[in-house]
Amino acid sequence: MSKAIQDMKAESYESGRADERRHMSKAIQNMKAESYESGRAEGEKEGQKKGALDAVVGLVRDGLIGITDAAAHAGVSEDELRRTLAQD
């Protein structure tokens, strides 16, 4: 095989490898972005739940709302609300 043909094959191979690396890099970037968004959304949801729970804890302690209603409003079980009240 001539040197020119060998060089062309090597160049074609390297070009393909570079394209492959670019595609892989883009796929990794996309996965990172999706993971970040998923984690952010999950953290936001947990923060909202904690905020609602904290709000009703104060209302229960002040005697303004019962445990059953408070748990329903915060979206937690009565047991979880009781555990939270016991911790604070």
N, C-alpha and C. Protein backbone atom coordinates (compact mmCIF):
# COMPACT_ATOMS: atom_id res chain seq x y z
N MET A 1 0.86 -1.16 0.00
CA MET A 1 0.00 0.00 0.00
C MET A 1 0.91 1.24 0.00
N SER A 2 0.52 2.20 -0.77
CA SER A 2 1.36 3.38 -0.87
C SER A 2 1.28 4.23 0.39
N LYS A 3 2.30 5.02 0.59
CA LYS A 3 2.38 5.91 1.75
C LYS A 3 1.21 6.90 1.76
N ALA A 4 0.81 7.40 0.59
CA ALA A 4 -0.28 8.36 0.48
C ALA A 4 -1.59 7.73 0.95
N ILE A 5 -1.83 6.50 0.56
CA ILE A 5 -3.06 5.80 0.95
C ILE A 5 -3.04 5.53 2.45
N GLN A 6 -1.89 5.12 2.97
CA GLN A 6 -1.78 4.89 4.41
C GLN A 6 -2.03 6.17 5.20
N ASP A 7 -1.47 7.27 4.71
CA ASP A 7 -1.68 8.56 5.36
C ASP A 7 -3.16 8.96 5.34
N MET A 8 -3.83 8.74 4.20
CA MET A 8 -5.26 9.08 4.07
C MET A 8 -6.09 8.24 5.04
N LYS A 9 -5.79 6.95 5.16
CA LYS A 9 -6.52 6.08 6.07
C LYS A 9 -6.30 6.52 7.52
N ALA A 10 -5.06 6.84 7.84
CA ALA A 10 -4.74 7.28 9.20
C ALA A 10 -5.46 8.59 9.52
N GLU A 11 -5.46 9.50 8.56
CA GLU A 11 -6.12 10.79 8.75
C GLU A 11 -7.63 10.59 8.91
N SER A 12 -8.21 9.73 8.09
CA SER A 12 -9.63 9.44 8.18
C SER A 12 -9.97 8.82 9.53
N TYR A 13 -9.13 7.90 9.97
CA TYR A 13 -9.33 7.24 11.26
C TYR A 13 -9.28 8.26 12.40
N GLU A 14 -8.27 9.12 12.38
CA GLU A 14 -8.12 10.14 13.43
C GLU A 14 -9.27 11.12 13.40
N SER A 15 -9.73 11.49 12.21
CA SER A 15 -10.86 12.41 12.09
C SER A 15 -12.12 11.78 12.69
N GLY A 16 -12.31 10.50 12.42
CA GLY A 16 -13.46 9.78 12.98
C GLY A 16 -13.37 9.70 14.49
N ARG A 17 -12.17 9.47 14.99
CA ARG A 17 -11.97 9.41 16.45
C ARG A 17 -12.27 10.77 17.09
N ALA A 18 -11.86 11.84 16.42
CA ALA A 18 -12.12 13.18 16.95
C ALA A 18 -13.62 13.44 17.00
N ASP A 19 -14.33 13.05 15.95
CA ASP A 19 -15.79 13.21 15.92
C ASP A 19 -16.42 12.40 17.05
N GLU A 20 -15.92 11.19 17.23
CA GLU A 20 -16.44 10.32 18.28
C GLU A 20 -16.22 10.96 19.65
N ARG A 21 -15.04 11.54 19.88
CA ARG A 21 -14.76 12.20 21.15
C ARG A 21 -15.67 13.41 21.36
N ARG A 22 -15.93 14.17 20.29
CA ARG A 22 -16.81 15.33 20.41
C ARG A 22 -18.23 14.89 20.77
N HIS A 23 -18.70 13.84 20.12
CA HIS A 23 -20.05 13.34 20.41
C HIS A 23 -20.14 12.82 21.84
N MET A 24 -19.11 12.12 22.27
CA MET A 24 -19.09 11.59 23.64
C MET A 24 -19.06 12.74 24.64
N SER A 25 -18.25 13.75 24.36
CA SER A 25 -18.16 14.90 25.24
C SER A 25 -19.52 15.60 25.35
N LYS A 26 -20.20 15.75 24.23
CA LYS A 26 -21.52 16.39 24.22
C LYS A 26 -22.52 15.54 25.01
N ALA A 27 -22.45 14.22 24.85
CA ALA A 27 -23.35 13.33 25.59
C ALA A 27 -23.11 13.45 27.09
N ILE A 28 -21.86 13.52 27.49
CA ILE A 28 -21.52 13.66 28.91
C ILE A 28 -22.03 15.00 29.45
N GLN A 29 -21.86 16.05 28.67
CA GLN A 29 -22.35 17.37 29.08
C GLN A 29 -23.87 17.34 29.26
N ASN A 30 -24.57 16.68 28.34
CA ASN A 30 -26.02 16.58 28.44
C ASN A 30 -26.44 15.80 29.68
N MET A 31 -25.73 14.70 29.96
CA MET A 31 -26.06 13.90 31.14
C MET A 31 -25.83 14.71 32.42
N LYS A 32 -24.74 15.48 32.46
CA LYS A 32 -24.47 16.32 33.63
C LYS A 32 -25.57 17.36 33.82
N ALA A 33 -25.99 17.99 32.73
CA ALA A 33 -27.03 19.01 32.81
C ALA A 33 -28.35 18.40 33.30
N GLU A 34 -28.70 17.23 32.77
CA GLU A 34 -29.93 16.56 33.19
C GLU A 34 -29.85 16.18 34.67
N SER A 35 -28.70 15.69 35.09
CA SER A 35 -28.52 15.29 36.48
C SER A 35 -28.63 16.51 37.40
N TYR A 36 -28.03 17.60 36.99
CA TYR A 36 -28.09 18.84 37.77
C TYR A 36 -29.53 19.30 37.91
N GLU A 37 -30.26 19.33 36.80
CA GLU A 37 -31.65 19.78 36.82
C GLU A 37 -32.51 18.87 37.70
N SER A 38 -32.28 17.58 37.61
CA SER A 38 -33.03 16.62 38.41
C SER A 38 -32.74 16.85 39.90
N GLY A 39 -31.49 17.03 40.24
CA GLY A 39 -31.11 17.28 41.64
C GLY A 39 -31.66 18.59 42.15
N ARG A 40 -31.63 19.60 41.31
CA ARG A 40 -32.15 20.90 41.70
C ARG A 40 -33.65 20.82 41.95
N ALA A 41 -34.37 20.16 41.07
CA ALA A 41 -35.82 20.03 41.23
C ALA A 41 -36.16 19.23 42.48
N GLU A 42 -35.40 18.17 42.72
CA GLU A 42 -35.63 17.35 43.91
C GLU A 42 -35.36 18.16 45.18
N GLY A 43 -34.28 18.92 45.19
CA GLY A 43 -33.96 19.76 46.34
C GLY A 43 -35.00 20.83 46.58
N GLU A 44 -35.51 21.40 45.50
CA GLU A 44 -36.54 22.42 45.62
C GLU A 44 -37.82 21.82 46.22
N LYS A 45 -38.17 20.63 45.76
CA LYS A 45 -39.37 19.97 46.27
C LYS A 45 -39.21 19.65 47.77
N GLU A 46 -38.04 19.16 48.16
CA GLU A 46 -37.78 18.86 49.56
C GLU A 46 -37.82 20.14 50.40
N GLY A 47 -37.29 21.23 49.86
CA GLY A 47 -37.30 22.50 50.57
C GLY A 47 -38.71 23.02 50.79
N GLN A 48 -39.57 22.86 49.78
CA GLN A 48 -40.95 23.29 49.92
C GLN A 48 -41.67 22.45 50.98
N LYS A 49 -41.40 21.16 50.98
CA LYS A 49 -42.03 20.27 51.98
C LYS A 49 -41.58 20.67 53.38
N LYS A 50 -40.28 20.93 53.53
CA LYS A 50 -39.75 21.33 54.84
C LYS A 50 -40.35 22.66 55.27
N GLY A 51 -40.47 23.58 54.33
CA GLY A 51 -41.05 24.89 54.66
C GLY A 51 -42.50 24.77 55.12
N ALA A 52 -43.27 23.93 54.43
CA ALA A 52 -44.67 23.73 54.83
C ALA A 52 -44.73 23.06 56.21
N LEU A 53 -43.86 22.10 56.42
CA LEU A 53 -43.83 21.41 57.71
C LEU A 53 -43.46 22.37 58.83
N ASP A 54 -42.45 23.20 58.59
CA ASP A 54 -42.04 24.18 59.61
C ASP A 54 -43.18 25.15 59.93
N ALA A 55 -43.93 25.54 58.91
CA ALA A 55 -45.03 26.49 59.11
C ALA A 55 -46.12 25.88 59.99
N VAL A 56 -46.50 24.64 59.70
CA VAL A 56 -47.59 24.03 60.48
C VAL A 56 -47.14 23.66 61.88
N VAL A 57 -45.87 23.39 62.07
CA VAL A 57 -45.36 23.08 63.42
C VAL A 57 -45.64 24.26 64.35
N GLY A 58 -45.37 25.45 63.87
CA GLY A 58 -45.64 26.64 64.68
C GLY A 58 -47.12 26.80 64.97
N LEU A 59 -47.96 26.51 64.00
CA LEU A 59 -49.41 26.63 64.20
C LEU A 59 -49.92 25.60 65.20
N VAL A 60 -49.37 24.38 65.15
CA VAL A 60 -49.77 23.34 66.10
C VAL A 60 -49.33 23.74 67.50
N ARG A 61 -48.11 24.20 67.63
CA ARG A 61 -47.60 24.60 68.95
C ARG A 61 -48.40 25.75 69.55
N ASP A 62 -48.89 26.64 68.69
CA ASP A 62 -49.68 27.77 69.17
C ASP A 62 -51.14 27.38 69.41
N GLY A 63 -51.48 26.12 69.11
CA GLY A 63 -52.84 25.64 69.33
C GLY A 63 -53.84 26.14 68.30
N LEU A 64 -53.35 26.62 67.16
CA LEU A 64 -54.25 27.18 66.14
C LEU A 64 -54.76 26.12 65.15
N ILE A 65 -54.09 24.98 65.12
CA ILE A 65 -54.48 23.93 64.19
C ILE A 65 -54.13 22.58 64.82
N GLY A 66 -54.96 21.59 64.55
CA GLY A 66 -54.72 20.26 65.10
C GLY A 66 -53.72 19.48 64.26
N ILE A 67 -53.20 18.40 64.84
CA ILE A 67 -52.19 17.60 64.16
C ILE A 67 -52.72 17.00 62.86
N THR A 68 -53.94 16.52 62.87
CA THR A 68 -54.50 15.89 61.67
C THR A 68 -54.57 16.89 60.52
N ASP A 69 -55.11 18.07 60.79
CA ASP A 69 -55.21 19.10 59.75
C ASP A 69 -53.83 19.59 59.32
N ALA A 70 -52.95 19.75 60.29
CA ALA A 70 -51.59 20.24 59.99
C ALA A 70 -50.84 19.25 59.09
N ALA A 71 -50.95 17.97 59.42
CA ALA A 71 -50.27 16.94 58.62
C ALA A 71 -50.81 16.93 57.20
N ALA A 72 -52.14 17.02 57.08
CA ALA A 72 -52.75 17.04 55.75
C ALA A 72 -52.29 18.25 54.95
N HIS A 73 -52.23 19.39 55.60
CA HIS A 73 -51.80 20.62 54.92
C HIS A 73 -50.35 20.54 54.47
N ALA A 74 -49.50 19.95 55.30
CA ALA A 74 -48.06 19.86 54.99
C ALA A 74 -47.75 18.69 54.06
N GLY A 75 -48.72 17.79 53.87
CA GLY A 75 -48.49 16.65 52.99
C GLY A 75 -47.62 15.58 53.62
N VAL A 76 -47.72 15.44 54.93
CA VAL A 76 -46.95 14.43 55.66
C VAL A 76 -47.91 13.60 56.51
N SER A 77 -47.42 12.49 57.00
CA SER A 77 -48.24 11.68 57.90
C SER A 77 -48.28 12.34 59.28
N GLU A 78 -49.28 11.97 60.04
CA GLU A 78 -49.37 12.49 61.41
C GLU A 78 -48.16 12.06 62.22
N ASP A 79 -47.68 10.82 61.99
CA ASP A 79 -46.49 10.34 62.71
C ASP A 79 -45.27 11.19 62.39
N GLU A 80 -45.11 11.53 61.12
CA GLU A 80 -43.96 12.36 60.74
C GLU A 80 -44.05 13.73 61.40
N LEU A 81 -45.25 14.28 61.45
CA LEU A 81 -45.44 15.58 62.11
C LEU A 81 -45.13 15.47 63.60
N ARG A 82 -45.57 14.40 64.22
CA ARG A 82 -45.29 14.21 65.66
C ARG A 82 -43.78 14.09 65.91
N ARG A 83 -43.10 13.36 65.03
CA ARG A 83 -41.63 13.23 65.18
C ARG A 83 -40.97 14.60 65.05
N THR A 84 -41.44 15.40 64.13
CA THR A 84 -40.88 16.74 63.94
C THR A 84 -41.15 17.60 65.16
N LEU A 85 -42.34 17.51 65.69
CA LEU A 85 -42.67 18.28 66.91
C LEU A 85 -41.79 17.85 68.08
N ALA A 86 -41.50 16.57 68.17
CA ALA A 86 -40.69 16.04 69.27
C ALA A 86 -39.22 16.45 69.13
N GLN A 87 -38.76 16.66 67.90
CA GLN A 87 -37.35 17.02 67.67
C GLN A 87 -37.06 18.46 68.03
N ASP A 88 -37.99 19.31 67.76
CA ASP A 88 -37.76 20.75 67.95
C ASP A 88 -37.81 21.15 69.37
